[in-house]
């Protein structure tokens, strides 16, 4: 539970940074930096989803024993 909440907070902060970068797209932001921001955000999202999935699968196994 606590790990998922911490990762969800990290994902939310990352999403805010990506949104801020999109809002300031006219200023000195190049495509490479924007691609890095989106890529890092996607890594956080995928990691959080995989952790939630593994916790759910592990929880069902423990509940059936």
C-alpha atoms as a PDB file:
ATOM      1  CA  UNK A   1       0.000   0.000   0.000  1.00  0.00           C
ATOM      2  CA  UNK A   2       2.658   2.503   0.996  1.00  0.00           C
ATOM      3  CA  UNK A   3       4.879   1.664  -1.989  1.00  0.00           C
ATOM      4  CA  UNK A   4       1.969   2.210  -4.363  1.00  0.00           C
ATOM      5  CA  UNK A   5       1.108   5.547  -2.782  1.00  0.00           C
ATOM      6  CA  UNK A   6       4.711   6.712  -3.012  1.00  0.00           C
ATOM      7  CA  UNK A   7       4.982   5.653  -6.644  1.00  0.00           C
ATOM      8  CA  UNK A   8       1.639   7.284  -7.442  1.00  0.00           C
ATOM      9  CA  UNK A   9       2.973  10.527  -5.985  1.00  0.00           C
ATOM     10  CA  UNK A  10       6.108  10.251  -8.122  1.00  0.00           C
ATOM     11  CA  UNK A  11       3.973   9.647 -11.214  1.00  0.00           C
ATOM     12  CA  UNK A  12       1.830  12.681 -10.381  1.00  0.00           C
ATOM     13  CA  UNK A  13       4.902  14.894  -9.954  1.00  0.00           C
ATOM     14  CA  UNK A  14       6.315  13.587 -13.224  1.00  0.00           C
ATOM     15  CA  UNK A  15       3.022  14.275 -14.993  1.00  0.00           C
ATOM     16  CA  UNK A  16       3.031  17.839 -13.684  1.00  0.00           C
ATOM     17  CA  UNK A  17       6.581  18.351 -14.998  1.00  0.00           C
ATOM     18  CA  UNK A  18       5.607  17.010 -18.437  1.00  0.00           C
ATOM     19  CA  UNK A  19       2.520  19.223 -18.481  1.00  0.00           C
ATOM     20  CA  UNK A  20       4.612  22.231 -17.498  1.00  0.00           C
ATOM     21  CA  UNK A  21       7.017  21.452 -20.335  1.00  0.00           C
ATOM     22  CA  UNK A  22       4.138  21.216 -22.827  1.00  0.00           C
ATOM     23  CA  UNK A  23       2.762  24.544 -21.620  1.00  0.00           C
ATOM     24  CA  UNK A  24       6.151  26.215 -22.179  1.00  0.00           C
ATOM     25  CA  UNK A  25       6.764  24.611 -25.555  1.00  0.00           C
ATOM     26  CA  UNK A  26       7.395  27.985 -27.213  1.00  0.00           C
ATOM     27  CA  UNK A  27      10.288  28.808 -24.909  1.00  0.00           C
ATOM     28  CA  UNK A  28      13.712  27.206 -24.927  1.00  0.00           C
ATOM     29  CA  UNK A  29      12.530  23.575 -24.843  1.00  0.00           C
ATOM     30  CA  UNK A  30      13.805  21.339 -27.589  1.00  0.00           C
ATOM     31  CA  UNK A  31      12.253  18.116 -28.803  1.00  0.00           C
ATOM     32  CA  UNK A  32      14.982  15.947 -27.301  1.00  0.00           C
ATOM     33  CA  UNK A  33      14.375  17.237 -23.776  1.00  0.00           C
ATOM     34  CA  UNK A  34      10.624  16.837 -24.197  1.00  0.00           C
ATOM     35  CA  UNK A  35      11.118  13.260 -25.406  1.00  0.00           C
ATOM     36  CA  UNK A  36      13.253  12.508 -22.324  1.00  0.00           C
ATOM     37  CA  UNK A  37      10.588  13.933 -20.011  1.00  0.00           C
ATOM     38  CA  UNK A  38       7.856  11.843 -21.630  1.00  0.00           C
ATOM     39  CA  UNK A  39      10.066   8.734 -21.645  1.00  0.00           C
ATOM     40  CA  UNK A  40      10.919   9.042 -17.969  1.00  0.00           C
ATOM     41  CA  UNK A  41       7.259   9.608 -17.138  1.00  0.00           C
ATOM     42  CA  UNK A  42       6.282   6.478 -19.058  1.00  0.00           C
ATOM     43  CA  UNK A  43       8.905   4.466 -17.160  1.00  0.00           C
ATOM     44  CA  UNK A  44       7.385   5.655 -13.875  1.00  0.00           C
ATOM     45  CA  UNK A  45       3.872   4.774 -15.056  1.00  0.00           C
ATOM     46  CA  UNK A  46       4.851   1.315 -16.285  1.00  0.00           C
ATOM     47  CA  UNK A  47       6.792   0.592 -13.089  1.00  0.00           C
ATOM     48  CA  UNK A  48       3.814   1.607 -10.959  1.00  0.00           C
ATOM     49  CA  UNK A  49       1.441  -0.546 -12.993  1.00  0.00           C
ATOM     50  CA  UNK A  50       3.749  -3.564 -12.795  1.00  0.00           C
ATOM     51  CA  UNK A  51       4.138  -3.176  -9.043  1.00  0.00           C
ATOM     52  CA  UNK A  52       0.376  -2.907  -8.576  1.00  0.00           C
ATOM     53  CA  UNK A  53      -0.143  -5.968 -10.753  1.00  0.00           C
ATOM     54  CA  UNK A  54       2.448  -8.001  -8.867  1.00  0.00           C
ATOM     55  CA  UNK A  55       0.946  -6.976  -5.525  1.00  0.00           C
ATOM     56  CA  UNK A  56      -2.507  -7.990  -6.723  1.00  0.00           C
ATOM     57  CA  UNK A  57      -1.309 -11.361  -7.993  1.00  0.00           C
ATOM     58  CA  UNK A  58       0.689 -11.994  -4.824  1.00  0.00           C
ATOM     59  CA  UNK A  59      -2.252 -10.982  -2.664  1.00  0.00           C
ATOM     60  CA  UNK A  60      -4.599 -13.436  -4.339  1.00  0.00           C
ATOM     61  CA  UNK A  61      -2.151 -16.287  -3.815  1.00  0.00           C
ATOM     62  CA  UNK A  62      -1.796 -15.504  -0.123  1.00  0.00           C
ATOM     63  CA  UNK A  63      -5.565 -15.264   0.300  1.00  0.00           C
ATOM     64  CA  UNK A  64      -6.197 -18.721  -1.166  1.00  0.00           C
ATOM     65  CA  UNK A  65      -3.728 -20.520   1.146  1.00  0.00           C
END
